[in-house]
Amino acid sequence: MSDADVTEIALRTMLVAAKVSAPILVTALLVGFLISLFQAATQIQEPTLSFVPKVIAVSIALLVTGNWVLSEMVSFTQGLFDALPRLLDRT
């Protein structure tokens, strides 16, 4: 396995990690931003007001995108296992 192979695998790993975490992170970011705008406008500084809606929104995002996330991870893992003989054959 050459340095280029390791770099390619690392790059693909980071891209898949970014793709599968993006829906959850963007959902939490948007809900947190909207709640902070609401808190600033109403001057209600209750910590649970920002926590509970984020948990609910992230749970819904996981339910909606969970199948896609799982299929992306399975596809990536199968690609790695399929490439394993080619990677180990190069010495």
PDB file of N, CA and C in Angstrom:
ATOM      1  N   MET A   1       0.849  -1.163   0.000  1.00  0.00           N
ATOM      2  CA  MET A   1       0.000   0.000   0.000  1.00  0.00           C
ATOM      3  C   MET A   1       0.900   1.233   0.000  1.00  0.00           C
ATOM      4  N   SER A   2       0.657   2.105  -0.949  1.00  0.00           N
ATOM      5  CA  SER A   2       1.500   3.294  -1.083  1.00  0.00           C
ATOM      6  C   SER A   2       0.911   4.463  -0.306  1.00  0.00           C
ATOM      7  N   ASP A   3       1.687   5.534  -0.264  1.00  0.00           N
ATOM      8  CA  ASP A   3       1.223   6.744   0.416  1.00  0.00           C
ATOM      9  C   ASP A   3       0.000   7.335  -0.281  1.00  0.00           C
ATOM     10  N   ALA A   4      -0.050   7.218  -1.587  1.00  0.00           N
ATOM     11  CA  ALA A   4      -1.188   7.732  -2.347  1.00  0.00           C
ATOM     12  C   ALA A   4      -2.463   6.968  -1.992  1.00  0.00           C
ATOM     13  N   ASP A   5      -2.342   5.665  -1.784  1.00  0.00           N
ATOM     14  CA  ASP A   5      -3.510   4.861  -1.398  1.00  0.00           C
ATOM     15  C   ASP A   5      -4.030   5.279  -0.025  1.00  0.00           C
ATOM     16  N   VAL A   6      -3.124   5.477   0.904  1.00  0.00           N
ATOM     17  CA  VAL A   6      -3.510   5.888   2.250  1.00  0.00           C
ATOM     18  C   VAL A   6      -4.175   7.263   2.212  1.00  0.00           C
ATOM     19  N   THR A   7      -3.616   8.160   1.423  1.00  0.00           N
ATOM     20  CA  THR A   7      -4.190   9.499   1.299  1.00  0.00           C
ATOM     21  C   THR A   7      -5.572   9.446   0.665  1.00  0.00           C
ATOM     22  N   GLU A   8      -5.730   8.610  -0.350  1.00  0.00           N
ATOM     23  CA  GLU A   8      -7.034   8.474  -1.010  1.00  0.00           C
ATOM     24  C   GLU A   8      -8.078   7.919  -0.047  1.00  0.00           C
ATOM     25  N   ILE A   9      -7.709   6.910   0.723  1.00  0.00           N
ATOM     26  CA  ILE A   9      -8.640   6.323   1.693  1.00  0.00           C
ATOM     27  C   ILE A   9      -8.999   7.346   2.762  1.00  0.00           C
ATOM     28  N   ALA A  10      -8.014   8.092   3.237  1.00  0.00           N
ATOM     29  CA  ALA A  10      -8.287   9.110   4.249  1.00  0.00           C
ATOM     30  C   ALA A  10      -9.208  10.199   3.707  1.00  0.00           C
ATOM     31  N   LEU A  11      -8.987  10.615   2.470  1.00  0.00           N
ATOM     32  CA  LEU A  11      -9.834  11.635   1.854  1.00  0.00           C
ATOM     33  C   LEU A  11     -11.260  11.136   1.694  1.00  0.00           C
ATOM     34  N   ARG A  12     -11.417   9.918   1.193  1.00  0.00           N
ATOM     35  CA  ARG A  12     -12.766   9.357   1.036  1.00  0.00           C
ATOM     36  C   ARG A  12     -13.457   9.194   2.381  1.00  0.00           C
ATOM     37  N   THR A  13     -12.696   8.806   3.414  1.00  0.00           N
ATOM     38  CA  THR A  13     -13.264   8.651   4.745  1.00  0.00           C
ATOM     39  C   THR A  13     -13.780   9.983   5.279  1.00  0.00           C
ATOM     40  N   MET A  14     -12.992  11.031   5.117  1.00  0.00           N
ATOM     41  CA  MET A  14     -13.430  12.345   5.600  1.00  0.00           C
ATOM     42  C   MET A  14     -14.625  12.864   4.818  1.00  0.00           C
ATOM     43  N   LEU A  15     -14.672  12.598   3.508  1.00  0.00           N
ATOM     44  CA  LEU A  15     -15.817  13.029   2.714  1.00  0.00           C
ATOM     45  C   LEU A  15     -17.094  12.293   3.120  1.00  0.00           C
ATOM     46  N   VAL A  16     -16.998  11.008   3.353  1.00  0.00           N
ATOM     47  CA  VAL A  16     -18.168  10.242   3.787  1.00  0.00           C
ATOM     48  C   VAL A  16     -18.608  10.702   5.174  1.00  0.00           C
ATOM     49  N   ALA A  17     -17.659  10.943   6.068  1.00  0.00           N
ATOM     50  CA  ALA A  17     -18.011  11.425   7.402  1.00  0.00           C
ATOM     51  C   ALA A  17     -18.705  12.777   7.340  1.00  0.00           C
ATOM     52  N   ALA A  18     -18.239  13.657   6.473  1.00  0.00           N
ATOM     53  CA  ALA A  18     -18.881  14.965   6.318  1.00  0.00           C
ATOM     54  C   ALA A  18     -20.276  14.822   5.722  1.00  0.00           C
ATOM     55  N   LYS A  19     -20.424  13.929   4.719  1.00  0.00           N
ATOM     56  CA  LYS A  19     -21.730  13.741   4.090  1.00  0.00           C
ATOM     57  C   LYS A  19     -22.757  13.181   5.055  1.00  0.00           C
ATOM     58  N   VAL A  20     -22.379  12.186   5.850  1.00  0.00           N
ATOM     59  CA  VAL A  20     -23.363  11.545   6.720  1.00  0.00           C
ATOM     60  C   VAL A  20     -23.660  12.356   7.973  1.00  0.00           C
ATOM     61  N   SER A  21     -22.746  13.226   8.381  1.00  0.00           N
ATOM     62  CA  SER A  21     -23.017  14.041   9.566  1.00  0.00           C
ATOM     63  C   SER A  21     -23.677  15.374   9.226  1.00  0.00           C
ATOM     64  N   ALA A  22     -23.645  15.767   7.964  1.00  0.00           N
ATOM     65  CA  ALA A  22     -24.182  17.077   7.571  1.00  0.00           C
ATOM     66  C   ALA A  22     -25.663  17.264   7.889  1.00  0.00           C
ATOM     67  N   PRO A  23     -26.549  16.315   7.592  1.00  0.00           N
ATOM     68  CA  PRO A  23     -27.967  16.570   7.898  1.00  0.00           C
ATOM     69  C   PRO A  23     -28.237  16.807   9.380  1.00  0.00           C
ATOM     70  N   ILE A  24     -27.585  16.057  10.236  1.00  0.00           N
ATOM     71  CA  ILE A  24     -27.806  16.197  11.670  1.00  0.00           C
ATOM     72  C   ILE A  24     -27.212  17.510  12.174  1.00  0.00           C
ATOM     73  N   LEU A  25     -25.996  17.820  11.734  1.00  0.00           N
ATOM     74  CA  LEU A  25     -25.349  19.043  12.181  1.00  0.00           C
ATOM     75  C   LEU A  25     -26.053  20.292  11.676  1.00  0.00           C
ATOM     76  N   VAL A  26     -26.492  20.273  10.424  1.00  0.00           N
ATOM     77  CA  VAL A  26     -27.201  21.435   9.878  1.00  0.00           C
ATOM     78  C   VAL A  26     -28.539  21.625  10.578  1.00  0.00           C
ATOM     79  N   THR A  27     -29.220  20.529  10.869  1.00  0.00           N
ATOM     80  CA  THR A  27     -30.488  20.618  11.598  1.00  0.00           C
ATOM     81  C   THR A  27     -30.275  21.234  12.979  1.00  0.00           C
ATOM     82  N   ALA A  28     -29.282  20.749  13.709  1.00  0.00           N
ATOM     83  CA  ALA A  28     -29.006  21.300  15.037  1.00  0.00           C
ATOM     84  C   ALA A  28     -28.597  22.769  14.952  1.00  0.00           C
ATOM     85  N   LEU A  29     -27.832  23.119  13.939  1.00  0.00           N
ATOM     86  CA  LEU A  29     -27.403  24.507  13.764  1.00  0.00           C
ATOM     87  C   LEU A  29     -28.591  25.422  13.495  1.00  0.00           C
ATOM     88  N   LEU A  30     -29.465  25.017  12.573  1.00  0.00           N
ATOM     89  CA  LEU A  30     -30.616  25.853  12.243  1.00  0.00           C
ATOM     90  C   LEU A  30     -31.581  25.999  13.414  1.00  0.00           C
ATOM     91  N   VAL A  31     -31.862  24.898  14.100  1.00  0.00           N
ATOM     92  CA  VAL A  31     -32.773  24.971  15.240  1.00  0.00           C
ATOM     93  C   VAL A  31     -32.160  25.804  16.352  1.00  0.00           C
ATOM     94  N   GLY A  32     -30.881  25.626  16.615  1.00  0.00           N
ATOM     95  CA  GLY A  32     -30.211  26.426  17.638  1.00  0.00           C
ATOM     96  C   GLY A  32     -30.221  27.907  17.305  1.00  0.00           C
ATOM     97  N   PHE A  33     -30.015  28.227  16.033  1.00  0.00           N
ATOM     98  CA  PHE A  33     -30.035  29.624  15.610  1.00  0.00           C
ATOM     99  C   PHE A  33     -31.423  30.229  15.766  1.00  0.00           C
ATOM    100  N   LEU A  34     -32.453  29.488  15.354  1.00  0.00           N
ATOM    101  CA  LEU A  34     -33.816  29.994  15.488  1.00  0.00           C
ATOM    102  C   LEU A  34     -34.217  30.169  16.953  1.00  0.00           C
ATOM    103  N   ILE A  35     -33.831  29.235  17.801  1.00  0.00           N
ATOM    104  CA  ILE A  35     -34.143  29.351  19.226  1.00  0.00           C
ATOM    105  C   ILE A  35     -33.391  30.526  19.842  1.00  0.00           C
ATOM    106  N   SER A  36     -32.148  30.736  19.439  1.00  0.00           N
ATOM    107  CA  SER A  36     -31.393  31.870  19.994  1.00  0.00           C
ATOM    108  C   SER A  36     -31.990  33.191  19.534  1.00  0.00           C
ATOM    109  N   LEU A  37     -32.485  33.264  18.297  1.00  0.00           N
ATOM    110  CA  LEU A  37     -33.183  34.468  17.846  1.00  0.00           C
ATOM    111  C   LEU A  37     -34.445  34.705  18.674  1.00  0.00           C
ATOM    112  N   PHE A  38     -35.190  33.639  18.929  1.00  0.00           N
ATOM    113  CA  PHE A  38     -36.393  33.749  19.748  1.00  0.00           C
ATOM    114  C   PHE A  38     -36.052  34.200  21.164  1.00  0.00           C
ATOM    115  N   GLN A  39     -34.997  33.625  21.731  1.00  0.00           N
ATOM    116  CA  GLN A  39     -34.599  34.010  23.087  1.00  0.00           C
ATOM    117  C   GLN A  39     -34.126  35.455  23.134  1.00  0.00           C
ATOM    118  N   ALA A  40     -33.427  35.900  22.127  1.00  0.00           N
ATOM    119  CA  ALA A  40     -32.964  37.287  22.104  1.00  0.00           C
ATOM    120  C   ALA A  40     -34.132  38.256  21.939  1.00  0.00           C
ATOM    121  N   ALA A  41     -35.115  37.865  21.151  1.00  0.00           N
ATOM    122  CA  ALA A  41     -36.260  38.754  20.918  1.00  0.00           C
ATOM    123  C   ALA A  41     -37.166  38.834  22.139  1.00  0.00           C
ATOM    124  N   THR A  42     -37.321  37.733  22.854  1.00  0.00           N
ATOM    125  CA  THR A  42     -38.229  37.719  24.003  1.00  0.00           C
ATOM    126  C   THR A  42     -37.515  37.862  25.340  1.00  0.00           C
ATOM    127  N   GLN A  43     -36.221  37.824  25.349  1.00  0.00           N
ATOM    128  CA  GLN A  43     -35.391  37.907  26.556  1.00  0.00           C
ATOM    129  C   GLN A  43     -35.690  36.782  27.550  1.00  0.00           C
ATOM    130  N   ILE A  44     -36.090  35.640  27.024  1.00  0.00           N
ATOM    131  CA  ILE A  44     -36.270  34.446  27.847  1.00  0.00           C
ATOM    132  C   ILE A  44     -34.964  33.669  27.789  1.00  0.00           C
ATOM    133  N   GLN A  45     -34.305  33.510  28.914  1.00  0.00           N
ATOM    134  CA  GLN A  45     -33.003  32.838  28.947  1.00  0.00           C
ATOM    135  C   GLN A  45     -33.099  31.508  29.694  1.00  0.00           C
ATOM    136  N   GLU A  46     -33.963  30.655  29.232  1.00  0.00           N
ATOM    137  CA  GLU A  46     -34.151  29.341  29.832  1.00  0.00           C
ATOM    138  C   GLU A  46     -33.284  28.326  29.082  1.00  0.00           C
ATOM    139  N   PRO A  47     -32.377  27.650  29.786  1.00  0.00           N
ATOM    140  CA  PRO A  47     -31.480  26.708  29.094  1.00  0.00           C
ATOM    141  C   PRO A  47     -32.211  25.536  28.428  1.00  0.00           C
ATOM    142  N   THR A  48     -33.285  25.055  29.040  1.00  0.00           N
ATOM    143  CA  THR A  48     -33.995  23.922  28.456  1.00  0.00           C
ATOM    144  C   THR A  48     -34.745  24.317  27.195  1.00  0.00           C
ATOM    145  N   LEU A  49     -34.995  25.599  27.020  1.00  0.00           N
ATOM    146  CA  LEU A  49     -35.692  26.054  25.820  1.00  0.00           C
ATOM    147  C   LEU A  49     -34.864  25.803  24.567  1.00  0.00           C
ATOM    148  N   SER A  50     -33.558  25.827  24.689  1.00  0.00           N
ATOM    149  CA  SER A  50     -32.717  25.549  23.517  1.00  0.00           C
ATOM    150  C   SER A  50     -32.381  24.064  23.387  1.00  0.00           C
ATOM    151  N   PHE A  51     -32.409  23.332  24.486  1.00  0.00           N
ATOM    152  CA  PHE A  51     -31.997  21.935  24.461  1.00  0.00           C
ATOM    153  C   PHE A  51     -33.084  21.015  23.905  1.00  0.00           C
ATOM    154  N   VAL A  52     -34.282  21.144  24.403  1.00  0.00           N
ATOM    155  CA  VAL A  52     -35.361  20.224  24.037  1.00  0.00           C
ATOM    156  C   VAL A  52     -35.710  20.296  22.548  1.00  0.00           C
ATOM    157  N   PRO A  53     -35.895  21.480  21.953  1.00  0.00           N
ATOM    158  CA  PRO A  53     -36.187  21.491  20.511  1.00  0.00           C
ATOM    159  C   PRO A  53     -35.056  20.922  19.657  1.00  0.00           C
ATOM    160  N   LYS A  54     -33.808  21.135  20.081  1.00  0.00           N
ATOM    161  CA  LYS A  54     -32.687  20.570  19.321  1.00  0.00           C
ATOM    162  C   LYS A  54     -32.713  19.049  19.365  1.00  0.00           C
ATOM    163  N   VAL A  55     -32.994  18.487  20.529  1.00  0.00           N
ATOM    164  CA  VAL A  55     -33.055  17.030  20.659  1.00  0.00           C
ATOM    165  C   VAL A  55     -34.170  16.472  19.771  1.00  0.00           C
ATOM    166  N   ILE A  56     -35.317  17.134  19.788  1.00  0.00           N
ATOM    167  CA  ILE A  56     -36.439  16.668  18.965  1.00  0.00           C
ATOM    168  C   ILE A  56     -36.096  16.791  17.476  1.00  0.00           C
ATOM    169  N   ALA A  57     -35.533  17.912  17.072  1.00  0.00           N
ATOM    170  CA  ALA A  57     -35.200  18.123  15.657  1.00  0.00           C
ATOM    171  C   ALA A  57     -34.132  17.151  15.182  1.00  0.00           C
ATOM    172  N   VAL A  58     -33.121  16.906  15.995  1.00  0.00           N
ATOM    173  CA  VAL A  58     -32.066  15.964  15.612  1.00  0.00           C
ATOM    174  C   VAL A  58     -32.628  14.544  15.546  1.00  0.00           C
ATOM    175  N   SER A  59     -33.518  14.201  16.452  1.00  0.00           N
ATOM    176  CA  SER A  59     -34.152  12.877  16.401  1.00  0.00           C
ATOM    177  C   SER A  59     -34.953  12.705  15.118  1.00  0.00           C
ATOM    178  N   ILE A  60     -35.695  13.738  14.739  1.00  0.00           N
ATOM    179  CA  ILE A  60     -36.461  13.670  13.487  1.00  0.00           C
ATOM    180  C   ILE A  60     -35.511  13.573  12.288  1.00  0.00           C
ATOM    181  N   ALA A  61     -34.424  14.339  12.318  1.00  0.00           N
ATOM    182  CA  ALA A  61     -33.449  14.278  11.227  1.00  0.00           C
ATOM    183  C   ALA A  61     -32.824  12.889  11.126  1.00  0.00           C
ATOM    184  N   LEU A  62     -32.560  12.269  12.256  1.00  0.00           N
ATOM    185  CA  LEU A  62     -32.020  10.904  12.240  1.00  0.00           C
ATOM    186  C   LEU A  62     -33.032   9.911  11.683  1.00  0.00           C
ATOM    187  N   LEU A  63     -34.304  10.086  12.031  1.00  0.00           N
ATOM    188  CA  LEU A  63     -35.333   9.195  11.505  1.00  0.00           C
ATOM    189  C   LEU A  63     -35.491   9.362   9.994  1.00  0.00           C
ATOM    190  N   VAL A  64     -35.418  10.601   9.528  1.00  0.00           N
ATOM    191  CA  VAL A  64     -35.620  10.864   8.106  1.00  0.00           C
ATOM    192  C   VAL A  64     -34.418  10.420   7.275  1.00  0.00           C
ATOM    193  N   THR A  65     -33.216  10.709   7.747  1.00  0.00           N
ATOM    194  CA  THR A  65     -32.012  10.436   6.954  1.00  0.00           C
ATOM    195  C   THR A  65     -31.270   9.167   7.376  1.00  0.00           C
ATOM    196  N   GLY A  66     -31.799   8.454   8.349  1.00  0.00           N
ATOM    197  CA  GLY A  66     -31.091   7.274   8.862  1.00  0.00           C
ATOM    198  C   GLY A  66     -30.829   6.207   7.822  1.00  0.00           C
ATOM    199  N   ASN A  67     -31.825   5.938   6.974  1.00  0.00           N
ATOM    200  CA  ASN A  67     -31.660   4.915   5.939  1.00  0.00           C
ATOM    201  C   ASN A  67     -30.570   5.310   4.950  1.00  0.00           C
ATOM    202  N   TRP A  68     -30.555   6.579   4.554  1.00  0.00           N
ATOM    203  CA  TRP A  68     -29.540   7.060   3.622  1.00  0.00           C
ATOM    204  C   TRP A  68     -28.146   6.994   4.257  1.00  0.00           C
ATOM    205  N   VAL A  69     -28.045   7.398   5.520  1.00  0.00           N
ATOM    206  CA  VAL A  69     -26.759   7.361   6.224  1.00  0.00           C
ATOM    207  C   VAL A  69     -26.244   5.923   6.285  1.00  0.00           C
ATOM    208  N   LEU A  70     -27.123   5.005   6.625  1.00  0.00           N
ATOM    209  CA  LEU A  70     -26.719   3.604   6.715  1.00  0.00           C
ATOM    210  C   LEU A  70     -26.270   3.070   5.358  1.00  0.00           C
ATOM    211  N   SER A  71     -27.003   3.414   4.290  1.00  0.00           N
ATOM    212  CA  SER A  71     -26.614   2.925   2.970  1.00  0.00           C
ATOM    213  C   SER A  71     -25.284   3.526   2.517  1.00  0.00           C
ATOM    214  N   GLU A  72     -25.028   4.783   2.839  1.00  0.00           N
ATOM    215  CA  GLU A  72     -23.737   5.403   2.510  1.00  0.00           C
ATOM    216  C   GLU A  72     -22.587   4.714   3.251  1.00  0.00           C
ATOM    217  N   MET A  73     -22.794   4.434   4.520  1.00  0.00           N
ATOM    218  CA  MET A  73     -21.749   3.782   5.311  1.00  0.00           C
ATOM    219  C   MET A  73     -21.499   2.351   4.827  1.00  0.00           C
ATOM    220  N   VAL A  74     -22.556   1.627   4.500  1.00  0.00           N
ATOM    221  CA  VAL A  74     -22.401   0.262   4.000  1.00  0.00           C
ATOM    222  C   VAL A  74     -21.696   0.275   2.651  1.00  0.00           C
ATOM    223  N   SER A  75     -22.073   1.210   1.789  1.00  0.00           N
ATOM    224  CA  SER A  75     -21.436   1.312   0.477  1.00  0.00           C
ATOM    225  C   SER A  75     -19.946   1.639   0.614  1.00  0.00           C
ATOM    226  N   PHE A  76     -19.617   2.563   1.498  1.00  0.00           N
ATOM    227  CA  PHE A  76     -18.213   2.917   1.720  1.00  0.00           C
ATOM    228  C   PHE A  76     -17.426   1.717   2.262  1.00  0.00           C
ATOM    229  N   THR A  77     -18.002   1.017   3.219  1.00  0.00           N
ATOM    230  CA  THR A  77     -17.316  -0.130   3.814  1.00  0.00           C
ATOM    231  C   THR A  77     -17.134  -1.246   2.788  1.00  0.00           C
ATOM    232  N   GLN A  78     -18.152  -1.497   1.969  1.00  0.00           N
ATOM    233  CA  GLN A  78     -18.018  -2.516   0.925  1.00  0.00           C
ATOM    234  C   GLN A  78     -16.951  -2.132  -0.085  1.00  0.00           C
ATOM    235  N   GLY A  79     -16.875  -0.840  -0.412  1.00  0.00           N
ATOM    236  CA  GLY A  79     -15.830  -0.378  -1.325  1.00  0.00           C
ATOM    237  C   GLY A  79     -14.440  -0.605  -0.751  1.00  0.00           C
ATOM    238  N   LEU A  80     -14.299  -0.359   0.554  1.00  0.00           N
ATOM    239  CA  LEU A  80     -12.994  -0.600   1.192  1.00  0.00           C
ATOM    240  C   LEU A  80     -12.634  -2.083   1.181  1.00  0.00           C
ATOM    241  N   PHE A  81     -13.611  -2.929   1.504  1.00  0.00           N
ATOM    242  CA  PHE A  81     -13.333  -4.360   1.512  1.00  0.00           C
ATOM    243  C   PHE A  81     -13.056  -4.885   0.104  1.00  0.00           C
ATOM    244  N   ASP A  82     -13.751  -4.331  -0.894  1.00  0.00           N
ATOM    245  CA  ASP A  82     -13.480  -4.743  -2.267  1.00  0.00           C
ATOM    246  C   ASP A  82     -12.090  -4.310  -2.732  1.00  0.00           C
ATOM    247  N   ALA A  83     -11.612  -3.183  -2.258  1.00  0.00           N
ATOM    248  CA  ALA A  83     -10.301  -2.673  -2.651  1.00  0.00           C
ATOM    249  C   ALA A  83      -9.159  -3.298  -1.845  1.00  0.00           C
ATOM    250  N   LEU A  84      -9.486  -3.999  -0.799  1.00  0.00           N
ATOM    251  CA  LEU A  84      -8.452  -4.567   0.086  1.00  0.00           C
ATOM    252  C   LEU A  84      -7.479  -5.497  -0.633  1.00  0.00           C
ATOM    253  N   PRO A  85      -7.905  -6.432  -1.456  1.00  0.00           N
ATOM    254  CA  PRO A  85      -6.909  -7.288  -2.147  1.00  0.00           C
ATOM    255  C   PRO A  85      -5.980  -6.477  -3.046  1.00  0.00           C
ATOM    256  N   ARG A  86      -6.537  -5.471  -3.733  1.00  0.00           N
ATOM    257  CA  ARG A  86      -5.714  -4.627  -4.613  1.00  0.00           C
ATOM    258  C   ARG A  86      -4.707  -3.837  -3.790  1.00  0.00           C
ATOM    259  N   LEU A  87      -5.118  -3.370  -2.656  1.00  0.00           N
ATOM    260  CA  LEU A  87      -4.232  -2.565  -1.817  1.00  0.00           C
ATOM    261  C   LEU A  87      -3.131  -3.420  -1.177  1.00  0.00           C
ATOM    262  N   LEU A  88      -3.475  -4.623  -0.791  1.00  0.00           N
ATOM    263  CA  LEU A  88      -2.484  -5.493  -0.155  1.00  0.00           C
ATOM    264  C   LEU A  88      -1.548  -6.142  -1.162  1.00  0.00           C
ATOM    265  N   ASP A  89      -1.974  -6.247  -2.404  1.00  0.00           N
ATOM    266  CA  ASP A  89      -1.152  -6.873  -3.441  1.00  0.00           C
ATOM    267  C   ASP A  89       0.028  -5.983  -3.820  1.00  0.00           C
ATOM    268  N   ARG A  90      -0.143  -4.664  -3.716  1.00  0.00           N
ATOM    269  CA  ARG A  90       0.948  -3.736  -4.042  1.00  0.00           C
ATOM    270  C   ARG A  90       1.922  -3.662  -2.867  1.00  0.00           C
ATOM    271  N   THR A  91       3.117  -4.088  -3.074  1.00  0.00           N
ATOM    272  CA  THR A  91       4.120  -3.977  -2.005  1.00  0.00           C
ATOM    273  C   THR A  91       5.383  -3.379  -2.513  1.00  0.00           C
TER     274      THR A  91
END
